[in-house]
Amino acid sequence: MYVVTVTFQIHPDRMEAFLPLMIDNARVSRRMEAGCQLFDICRDKNEVFLYEIYTDRAAFDTHLGSKHFKAFEAAIEGMVADKRIRLFDEVIR
């Protein structure tokens, strides 16, 4: 398993536009990407936290190269004040 966490700080006046784009990106990823096992979105005020699980790094790389992800990245231009990404190679259960 390969875990990705992303924390977005969204400009306060852009959250209403950002959130539907984020939800659509997660739904399409889960539906269209065989390697996407989980894609949760958490929100608190102007912060959005993602928790994503992929079968491996290659599956995550496929996600990054997908048409829907590239469209999402282009659509959120100017909405994000800060973005922090963490990558984990191991899940312990």
C-alpha atoms as a PDB file:
ATOM      1  CA  MET A   1       0.000   0.000   0.000  1.00  0.00           C
ATOM      2  CA  TYR A   2       1.050   3.562  -0.716  1.00  0.00           C
ATOM      3  CA  VAL A   3      -0.499   6.413   1.270  1.00  0.00           C
ATOM      4  CA  VAL A   4      -0.664  10.048   0.274  1.00  0.00           C
ATOM      5  CA  THR A   5      -1.845  12.852   2.525  1.00  0.00           C
ATOM      6  CA  VAL A   6      -2.378  16.366   1.269  1.00  0.00           C
ATOM      7  CA  THR A   7      -3.287  19.416   3.311  1.00  0.00           C
ATOM      8  CA  PHE A   8      -4.655  22.402   1.414  1.00  0.00           C
ATOM      9  CA  GLN A   9      -5.138  25.855   2.874  1.00  0.00           C
ATOM     10  CA  ILE A  10      -7.807  27.417   0.679  1.00  0.00           C
ATOM     11  CA  HIS A  11      -8.305  31.156   0.273  1.00  0.00           C
ATOM     12  CA  PRO A  12     -11.453  31.885   2.330  1.00  0.00           C
ATOM     13  CA  ASP A  13     -13.422  33.276  -0.589  1.00  0.00           C
ATOM     14  CA  ARG A  14     -12.603  30.264  -2.809  1.00  0.00           C
ATOM     15  CA  MET A  15     -13.758  27.295  -0.693  1.00  0.00           C
ATOM     16  CA  GLU A  16     -17.224  27.244  -2.265  1.00  0.00           C
ATOM     17  CA  ALA A  17     -15.637  26.824  -5.710  1.00  0.00           C
ATOM     18  CA  PHE A  18     -12.838  24.504  -4.572  1.00  0.00           C
ATOM     19  CA  LEU A  19     -14.800  21.848  -2.695  1.00  0.00           C
ATOM     20  CA  PRO A  20     -16.996  20.576  -5.578  1.00  0.00           C
ATOM     21  CA  LEU A  21     -13.878  20.256  -7.757  1.00  0.00           C
ATOM     22  CA  MET A  22     -12.113  18.295  -5.031  1.00  0.00           C
ATOM     23  CA  ILE A  23     -15.096  15.991  -4.492  1.00  0.00           C
ATOM     24  CA  ASP A  24     -15.361  15.308  -8.221  1.00  0.00           C
ATOM     25  CA  ASN A  25     -11.630  14.546  -8.463  1.00  0.00           C
ATOM     26  CA  ALA A  26     -11.895  12.025  -5.604  1.00  0.00           C
ATOM     27  CA  ARG A  27     -15.000  10.343  -7.041  1.00  0.00           C
ATOM     28  CA  VAL A  28     -13.510   9.999 -10.510  1.00  0.00           C
ATOM     29  CA  SER A  29     -10.240   8.697  -9.063  1.00  0.00           C
ATOM     30  CA  ARG A  30     -12.042   5.985  -7.061  1.00  0.00           C
ATOM     31  CA  ARG A  31     -14.227   5.036 -10.018  1.00  0.00           C
ATOM     32  CA  MET A  32     -11.685   5.167 -12.874  1.00  0.00           C
ATOM     33  CA  GLU A  33      -8.354   4.221 -11.279  1.00  0.00           C
ATOM     34  CA  ALA A  34      -7.985   0.546 -10.377  1.00  0.00           C
ATOM     35  CA  GLY A  35      -5.046   1.363  -8.095  1.00  0.00           C
ATOM     36  CA  CYS A  36      -6.941   3.964  -6.041  1.00  0.00           C
ATOM     37  CA  GLN A  37      -8.179   2.080  -2.978  1.00  0.00           C
ATOM     38  CA  LEU A  38      -9.368   5.010  -0.855  1.00  0.00           C
ATOM     39  CA  PHE A  39      -9.713   8.755  -1.303  1.00  0.00           C
ATOM     40  CA  ASP A  40     -11.173  10.570   1.696  1.00  0.00           C
ATOM     41  CA  ILE A  41     -11.704  14.319   1.965  1.00  0.00           C
ATOM     42  CA  CYS A  42     -11.859  16.081   5.335  1.00  0.00           C
ATOM     43  CA  ARG A  43     -12.652  19.752   5.834  1.00  0.00           C
ATOM     44  CA  ASP A  44     -12.341  22.264   8.670  1.00  0.00           C
ATOM     45  CA  LYS A  45     -13.002  25.907   7.821  1.00  0.00           C
ATOM     46  CA  ASN A  46     -10.400  26.849   5.175  1.00  0.00           C
ATOM     47  CA  GLU A  47      -8.406  23.616   5.409  1.00  0.00           C
ATOM     48  CA  VAL A  48      -8.969  20.497   3.309  1.00  0.00           C
ATOM     49  CA  PHE A  49      -7.160  17.286   4.208  1.00  0.00           C
ATOM     50  CA  LEU A  50      -6.934  14.322   1.843  1.00  0.00           C
ATOM     51  CA  TYR A  51      -6.146  10.737   2.793  1.00  0.00           C
ATOM     52  CA  GLU A  52      -5.508   8.558  -0.238  1.00  0.00           C
ATOM     53  CA  ILE A  53      -4.460   4.914  -0.475  1.00  0.00           C
ATOM     54  CA  TYR A  54      -3.056   3.406  -3.670  1.00  0.00           C
ATOM     55  CA  THR A  55      -1.895  -0.128  -4.336  1.00  0.00           C
ATOM     56  CA  ASP A  56       1.644   1.155  -4.949  1.00  0.00           C
ATOM     57  CA  ARG A  57       3.662   4.162  -6.105  1.00  0.00           C
ATOM     58  CA  ALA A  58       2.985   3.309  -9.748  1.00  0.00           C
ATOM     59  CA  ALA A  59      -0.766   3.596  -9.127  1.00  0.00           C
ATOM     60  CA  PHE A  60      -0.241   7.033  -7.576  1.00  0.00           C
ATOM     61  CA  ASP A  61       1.896   8.079 -10.545  1.00  0.00           C
ATOM     62  CA  THR A  62      -0.945   6.952 -12.824  1.00  0.00           C
ATOM     63  CA  HIS A  63      -3.274   9.205 -10.824  1.00  0.00           C
ATOM     64  CA  LEU A  64      -0.923  12.175 -11.239  1.00  0.00           C
ATOM     65  CA  GLY A  65      -0.818  11.615 -14.991  1.00  0.00           C
ATOM     66  CA  SER A  66      -4.565  11.189 -15.418  1.00  0.00           C
ATOM     67  CA  LYS A  67      -6.624  13.608 -17.482  1.00  0.00           C
ATOM     68  CA  HIS A  68      -9.048  14.306 -14.620  1.00  0.00           C
ATOM     69  CA  PHE A  69      -6.236  15.111 -12.164  1.00  0.00           C
ATOM     70  CA  LYS A  70      -4.568  17.487 -14.606  1.00  0.00           C
ATOM     71  CA  ALA A  71      -7.930  19.201 -15.218  1.00  0.00           C
ATOM     72  CA  PHE A  72      -8.453  19.487 -11.452  1.00  0.00           C
ATOM     73  CA  GLU A  73      -5.007  21.038 -10.940  1.00  0.00           C
ATOM     74  CA  ALA A  74      -5.694  23.595 -13.668  1.00  0.00           C
ATOM     75  CA  ALA A  75      -9.164  24.401 -12.302  1.00  0.00           C
ATOM     76  CA  ILE A  76      -7.940  25.143  -8.751  1.00  0.00           C
ATOM     77  CA  GLU A  77      -5.250  27.573  -9.877  1.00  0.00           C
ATOM     78  CA  GLY A  78      -5.389  30.610  -7.581  1.00  0.00           C
ATOM     79  CA  MET A  79      -7.653  28.921  -4.984  1.00  0.00           C
ATOM     80  CA  VAL A  80      -4.907  27.364  -2.863  1.00  0.00           C
ATOM     81  CA  ALA A  81      -2.930  29.454  -0.368  1.00  0.00           C
ATOM     82  CA  ASP A  82      -0.728  26.522   0.710  1.00  0.00           C
ATOM     83  CA  LYS A  83      -0.389  22.816  -0.128  1.00  0.00           C
ATOM     84  CA  ARG A  84       1.555  20.177   1.805  1.00  0.00           C
ATOM     85  CA  ILE A  85       2.021  16.618   0.551  1.00  0.00           C
ATOM     86  CA  ARG A  86       3.282  13.628   2.537  1.00  0.00           C
ATOM     87  CA  LEU A  87       4.002  10.184   1.111  1.00  0.00           C
ATOM     88  CA  PHE A  88       4.081   6.915   3.080  1.00  0.00           C
ATOM     89  CA  ASP A  89       5.273   3.523   1.843  1.00  0.00           C
ATOM     90  CA  GLU A  90       3.813   1.385   4.604  1.00  0.00           C
ATOM     91  CA  VAL A  91       0.438   0.846   6.241  1.00  0.00           C
ATOM     92  CA  ILE A  92       0.426  -1.106   9.499  1.00  0.00           C
ATOM     93  CA  ARG A  93      -2.855  -2.643  10.578  1.00  0.00           C
END
